[in-house]
Amino acid sequence: MEFLELAKARYSERSFEKSHPIEEEKLSKILEAGRVAPTACNLQPQKIYVLKSEDSLWKAAKLTHTYEAPVVLLICYDENVVWKNAREEGYNSGEQDASIVASSMMFEAEELGIHSLWIRGFNSKLVSETFELPENIKPVLMLALGYPKATSEPSPRHLDKKPLSDTVEER
């Protein structure tokens, strides 16, 4: 499948088949897609926690809605490794780097027939406390992964895209 077709086909899954685990070789490919993703100055500040034990998944579900995904990736960045912009005090590329890594993994998952859901509806401080993250590790998002239920379908809003003229402007 060409990339644009893949990007158009992918949708946010909210109906995971909890009893269908992700094969380890497929999970490894997804994680490898994140490992090779570009980051600012190639500093690779990402830190990915693979949540798949019953206890970890229960903790994640208490923090946000994970829709019973059999695997949840907690995607963070290391504040001690991240690129810092010398031209703007306080700015770093951590969230962007983590988002690029997550996007690469999300599309690799789709290529492998595994659906995903980008999750940001959580309190970062509670995530850090719950998973006992070091102070320098900053949570950015969770990526729920799994096979869809047979009844799964995209939200009606999935195909409701603005025209390019509404989002792109030449200067």
C-alpha atoms as a PDB file:
ATOM      1  CA  MET A   1       0.000   0.000   0.000  1.00  0.00           C
ATOM      2  CA  GLU A   2       1.306   3.456  -0.827  1.00  0.00           C
ATOM      3  CA  PHE A   3       1.866   5.763   2.132  1.00  0.00           C
ATOM      4  CA  LEU A   4      -0.935   8.215   1.289  1.00  0.00           C
ATOM      5  CA  GLU A   5      -3.411   5.322   1.034  1.00  0.00           C
ATOM      6  CA  LEU A   6      -2.173   4.034   4.385  1.00  0.00           C
ATOM      7  CA  ALA A   7      -2.523   7.494   5.965  1.00  0.00           C
ATOM      8  CA  LYS A   8      -6.076   7.835   4.640  1.00  0.00           C
ATOM      9  CA  ALA A   9      -7.064   4.333   5.796  1.00  0.00           C
ATOM     10  CA  ARG A  10      -5.753   4.730   9.362  1.00  0.00           C
ATOM     11  CA  TYR A  11      -8.253   5.841  11.980  1.00  0.00           C
ATOM     12  CA  SER A  12      -8.338   6.152  15.762  1.00  0.00           C
ATOM     13  CA  GLU A  13      -9.400   2.768  17.095  1.00  0.00           C
ATOM     14  CA  ARG A  14     -11.754   2.680  20.056  1.00  0.00           C
ATOM     15  CA  SER A  15     -12.809  -0.954  19.883  1.00  0.00           C
ATOM     16  CA  PHE A  16      -9.838  -3.243  20.503  1.00  0.00           C
ATOM     17  CA  GLU A  17     -10.027  -7.034  20.604  1.00  0.00           C
ATOM     18  CA  LYS A  18      -8.560  -7.504  24.082  1.00  0.00           C
ATOM     19  CA  SER A  19      -8.161 -11.260  23.670  1.00  0.00           C
ATOM     20  CA  HIS A  20      -6.028 -10.969  20.513  1.00  0.00           C
ATOM     21  CA  PRO A  21      -2.456 -10.177  21.597  1.00  0.00           C
ATOM     22  CA  ILE A  22       0.043  -8.491  19.323  1.00  0.00           C
ATOM     23  CA  GLU A  23       2.709 -10.874  18.085  1.00  0.00           C
ATOM     24  CA  GLU A  24       6.186 -10.090  19.480  1.00  0.00           C
ATOM     25  CA  GLU A  25       7.741  -9.833  16.003  1.00  0.00           C
ATOM     26  CA  LYS A  26       5.140  -7.233  14.996  1.00  0.00           C
ATOM     27  CA  LEU A  27       5.611  -5.287  18.226  1.00  0.00           C
ATOM     28  CA  SER A  28       9.367  -5.332  17.583  1.00  0.00           C
ATOM     29  CA  LYS A  29       8.825  -3.848  14.112  1.00  0.00           C
ATOM     30  CA  ILE A  30       6.630  -1.119  15.564  1.00  0.00           C
ATOM     31  CA  LEU A  31       9.260  -0.256  18.178  1.00  0.00           C
ATOM     32  CA  GLU A  32      11.987  -0.306  15.512  1.00  0.00           C
ATOM     33  CA  ALA A  33       9.999   2.248  13.474  1.00  0.00           C
ATOM     34  CA  GLY A  34      10.153   4.511  16.513  1.00  0.00           C
ATOM     35  CA  ARG A  35      13.854   3.871  17.033  1.00  0.00           C
ATOM     36  CA  VAL A  36      14.763   4.997  13.507  1.00  0.00           C
ATOM     37  CA  ALA A  37      12.443   8.023  13.488  1.00  0.00           C
ATOM     38  CA  PRO A  38      14.106  11.409  13.058  1.00  0.00           C
ATOM     39  CA  THR A  39      14.651  13.598  16.119  1.00  0.00           C
ATOM     40  CA  ALA A  40      16.213  17.036  16.575  1.00  0.00           C
ATOM     41  CA  CYS A  41      19.989  16.765  16.046  1.00  0.00           C
ATOM     42  CA  ASN A  42      19.470  12.978  16.191  1.00  0.00           C
ATOM     43  CA  LEU A  43      19.680  13.175  19.987  1.00  0.00           C
ATOM     44  CA  GLN A  44      17.004  10.468  20.312  1.00  0.00           C
ATOM     45  CA  PRO A  45      15.547  11.623  23.638  1.00  0.00           C
ATOM     46  CA  GLN A  46      12.581   9.247  23.427  1.00  0.00           C
ATOM     47  CA  LYS A  47      11.880   6.767  26.184  1.00  0.00           C
ATOM     48  CA  ILE A  48       9.153   4.240  25.455  1.00  0.00           C
ATOM     49  CA  TYR A  49       7.548   2.086  28.114  1.00  0.00           C
ATOM     50  CA  VAL A  50       5.723  -0.967  26.758  1.00  0.00           C
ATOM     51  CA  LEU A  51       2.690  -1.505  28.966  1.00  0.00           C
ATOM     52  CA  LYS A  52       1.316  -4.998  28.455  1.00  0.00           C
ATOM     53  CA  SER A  53       1.231  -6.677  31.850  1.00  0.00           C
ATOM     54  CA  GLU A  54      -2.175  -6.857  33.490  1.00  0.00           C
ATOM     55  CA  ASP A  55      -0.971  -4.520  36.249  1.00  0.00           C
ATOM     56  CA  SER A  56       0.476  -1.908  33.864  1.00  0.00           C
ATOM     57  CA  LEU A  57      -2.598  -1.927  31.643  1.00  0.00           C
ATOM     58  CA  TRP A  58      -4.841  -1.570  34.702  1.00  0.00           C
ATOM     59  CA  LYS A  59      -2.793   1.427  35.875  1.00  0.00           C
ATOM     60  CA  ALA A  60      -2.974   3.048  32.428  1.00  0.00           C
ATOM     61  CA  ALA A  61      -6.734   2.502  32.265  1.00  0.00           C
ATOM     62  CA  LYS A  62      -7.115   4.239  35.633  1.00  0.00           C
ATOM     63  CA  LEU A  63      -5.308   7.292  34.223  1.00  0.00           C
ATOM     64  CA  THR A  64      -7.113   7.544  30.876  1.00  0.00           C
ATOM     65  CA  HIS A  65      -9.401   5.611  28.557  1.00  0.00           C
ATOM     66  CA  THR A  66      -7.350   2.892  26.807  1.00  0.00           C
ATOM     67  CA  TYR A  67     -10.317   1.002  25.299  1.00  0.00           C
ATOM     68  CA  GLU A  68      -8.956  -2.350  26.524  1.00  0.00           C
ATOM     69  CA  ALA A  69      -5.991  -2.248  24.153  1.00  0.00           C
ATOM     70  CA  PRO A  70      -3.699  -5.243  24.779  1.00  0.00           C
ATOM     71  CA  VAL A  71      -0.604  -3.006  24.496  1.00  0.00           C
ATOM     72  CA  VAL A  72      -0.160   0.645  25.395  1.00  0.00           C
ATOM     73  CA  LEU A  73       3.059   2.480  24.635  1.00  0.00           C
ATOM     74  CA  LEU A  74       3.837   5.253  27.094  1.00  0.00           C
ATOM     75  CA  ILE A  75       5.948   7.619  25.014  1.00  0.00           C
ATOM     76  CA  CYS A  76       8.145  10.066  26.882  1.00  0.00           C
ATOM     77  CA  TYR A  77      11.286  12.104  26.403  1.00  0.00           C
ATOM     78  CA  ASP A  78      14.372  12.534  28.527  1.00  0.00           C
ATOM     79  CA  GLU A  79      14.726  16.175  29.536  1.00  0.00           C
ATOM     80  CA  ASN A  80      18.483  15.662  30.012  1.00  0.00           C
ATOM     81  CA  VAL A  81      18.987  14.499  26.417  1.00  0.00           C
ATOM     82  CA  VAL A  82      16.533  16.666  24.466  1.00  0.00           C
ATOM     83  CA  TRP A  83      17.658  19.447  22.085  1.00  0.00           C
ATOM     84  CA  LYS A  84      17.297  22.926  23.566  1.00  0.00           C
ATOM     85  CA  ASN A  85      16.875  26.003  21.372  1.00  0.00           C
ATOM     86  CA  ALA A  86      19.555  28.573  22.153  1.00  0.00           C
ATOM     87  CA  ARG A  87      17.408  31.234  20.439  1.00  0.00           C
ATOM     88  CA  GLU A  88      14.392  30.750  22.696  1.00  0.00           C
ATOM     89  CA  GLU A  89      14.809  30.268  26.427  1.00  0.00           C
ATOM     90  CA  GLY A  90      12.845  27.356  27.849  1.00  0.00           C
ATOM     91  CA  TYR A  91      12.077  25.741  24.488  1.00  0.00           C
ATOM     92  CA  ASN A  92      13.026  22.148  23.748  1.00  0.00           C
ATOM     93  CA  SER A  93      12.089  19.620  21.092  1.00  0.00           C
ATOM     94  CA  GLY A  94      10.924  16.868  23.467  1.00  0.00           C
ATOM     95  CA  GLU A  95       7.237  16.843  22.593  1.00  0.00           C
ATOM     96  CA  GLN A  96       7.942  17.135  18.868  1.00  0.00           C
ATOM     97  CA  ASP A  97      10.523  14.344  18.974  1.00  0.00           C
ATOM     98  CA  ALA A  98       8.173  12.065  20.927  1.00  0.00           C
ATOM     99  CA  SER A  99       5.361  12.885  18.480  1.00  0.00           C
ATOM    100  CA  ILE A 100       7.512  12.047  15.450  1.00  0.00           C
ATOM    101  CA  VAL A 101       8.492   8.753  17.083  1.00  0.00           C
ATOM    102  CA  ALA A 102       4.836   7.996  17.891  1.00  0.00           C
ATOM    103  CA  SER A 103       3.719   8.820  14.344  1.00  0.00           C
ATOM    104  CA  SER A 104       6.315   6.482  12.868  1.00  0.00           C
ATOM    105  CA  MET A 105       5.170   3.675  15.160  1.00  0.00           C
ATOM    106  CA  MET A 106       1.504   4.410  14.492  1.00  0.00           C
ATOM    107  CA  PHE A 107       1.932   4.084  10.731  1.00  0.00           C
ATOM    108  CA  GLU A 108       4.106   0.965  11.029  1.00  0.00           C
ATOM    109  CA  ALA A 109       1.376  -0.587  13.172  1.00  0.00           C
ATOM    110  CA  GLU A 110      -1.213   0.248  10.508  1.00  0.00           C
ATOM    111  CA  GLU A 111       0.988  -1.317   7.833  1.00  0.00           C
ATOM    112  CA  LEU A 112       1.034  -4.508   9.948  1.00  0.00           C
ATOM    113  CA  GLY A 113      -2.766  -4.554  10.374  1.00  0.00           C
ATOM    114  CA  ILE A 114      -2.626  -3.333  13.976  1.00  0.00           C
ATOM    115  CA  HIS A 115      -4.818  -0.398  14.880  1.00  0.00           C
ATOM    116  CA  SER A 116      -3.863   2.430  17.201  1.00  0.00           C
ATOM    117  CA  LEU A 117      -5.207   5.288  19.257  1.00  0.00           C
ATOM    118  CA  TRP A 118      -3.180   8.393  20.120  1.00  0.00           C
ATOM    119  CA  ILE A 119      -4.043   9.255  23.727  1.00  0.00           C
ATOM    120  CA  ARG A 120      -3.299  12.523  25.500  1.00  0.00           C
ATOM    121  CA  GLY A 121      -6.239  12.788  27.871  1.00  0.00           C
ATOM    122  CA  PHE A 122      -4.251  12.285  31.058  1.00  0.00           C
ATOM    123  CA  ASN A 123      -2.468  14.209  33.782  1.00  0.00           C
ATOM    124  CA  SER A 124       1.306  13.984  33.226  1.00  0.00           C
ATOM    125  CA  LYS A 125       2.114  14.303  36.917  1.00  0.00           C
ATOM    126  CA  LEU A 126      -0.180  11.369  37.780  1.00  0.00           C
ATOM    127  CA  VAL A 127       1.334   9.262  34.981  1.00  0.00           C
ATOM    128  CA  SER A 128       4.834   9.995  36.299  1.00  0.00           C
ATOM    129  CA  GLU A 129       3.825   9.098  39.841  1.00  0.00           C
ATOM    130  CA  THR A 130       1.879   5.970  38.860  1.00  0.00           C
ATOM    131  CA  PHE A 131       4.683   4.519  36.751  1.00  0.00           C
ATOM    132  CA  GLU A 132       7.425   5.887  39.041  1.00  0.00           C
ATOM    133  CA  LEU A 133       9.192   7.688  36.214  1.00  0.00           C
ATOM    134  CA  PRO A 134      12.478   9.446  36.951  1.00  0.00           C
ATOM    135  CA  GLU A 135      12.132  13.217  37.261  1.00  0.00           C
ATOM    136  CA  ASN A 136      13.898  13.826  33.928  1.00  0.00           C
ATOM    137  CA  ILE A 137      11.496  11.566  31.982  1.00  0.00           C
ATOM    138  CA  LYS A 138       8.481  13.525  30.704  1.00  0.00           C
ATOM    139  CA  PRO A 139       5.356  11.709  29.477  1.00  0.00           C
ATOM    140  CA  VAL A 140       3.958  13.044  26.197  1.00  0.00           C
ATOM    141  CA  LEU A 141       1.348  10.538  25.017  1.00  0.00           C
ATOM    142  CA  MET A 142       0.160   6.986  25.117  1.00  0.00           C
ATOM    143  CA  LEU A 143      -0.296   4.956  21.955  1.00  0.00           C
ATOM    144  CA  ALA A 144      -2.839   2.179  22.392  1.00  0.00           C
ATOM    145  CA  LEU A 145      -2.237  -0.744  20.030  1.00  0.00           C
ATOM    146  CA  GLY A 146      -4.235  -3.814  19.117  1.00  0.00           C
ATOM    147  CA  TYR A 147      -6.339  -5.641  16.635  1.00  0.00           C
ATOM    148  CA  PRO A 148      -9.798  -4.186  16.036  1.00  0.00           C
ATOM    149  CA  LYS A 149     -12.999  -5.946  16.988  1.00  0.00           C
ATOM    150  CA  ALA A 150     -14.999  -7.284  14.034  1.00  0.00           C
ATOM    151  CA  THR A 151     -17.557  -4.513  14.573  1.00  0.00           C
ATOM    152  CA  SER A 152     -14.927  -1.757  14.548  1.00  0.00           C
ATOM    153  CA  GLU A 153     -15.364   1.174  12.236  1.00  0.00           C
ATOM    154  CA  PRO A 154     -14.052   4.718  12.022  1.00  0.00           C
ATOM    155  CA  SER A 155     -15.864   7.619  13.591  1.00  0.00           C
ATOM    156  CA  PRO A 156     -18.171   9.428  11.163  1.00  0.00           C
ATOM    157  CA  ARG A 157     -15.822  12.401  11.546  1.00  0.00           C
ATOM    158  CA  HIS A 158     -12.862  10.398  10.198  1.00  0.00           C
ATOM    159  CA  LEU A 159     -13.488  11.332   6.582  1.00  0.00           C
ATOM    160  CA  ASP A 160     -14.539  14.904   7.399  1.00  0.00           C
ATOM    161  CA  LYS A 161     -11.337  16.638   6.331  1.00  0.00           C
ATOM    162  CA  LYS A 162     -10.946  20.318   5.588  1.00  0.00           C
ATOM    163  CA  PRO A 163      -9.807  21.231   2.083  1.00  0.00           C
ATOM    164  CA  LEU A 164      -6.110  22.084   1.717  1.00  0.00           C
ATOM    165  CA  SER A 165      -7.028  25.703   1.063  1.00  0.00           C
ATOM    166  CA  ASP A 166      -8.297  25.939   4.680  1.00  0.00           C
ATOM    167  CA  THR A 167      -5.057  24.670   6.190  1.00  0.00           C
ATOM    168  CA  VAL A 168      -2.300  25.662   3.754  1.00  0.00           C
ATOM    169  CA  GLU A 169      -1.318  29.177   2.785  1.00  0.00           C
ATOM    170  CA  GLU A 170       1.482  30.365   0.539  1.00  0.00           C
ATOM    171  CA  ARG A 171       3.421  33.474   1.484  1.00  0.00           C
END
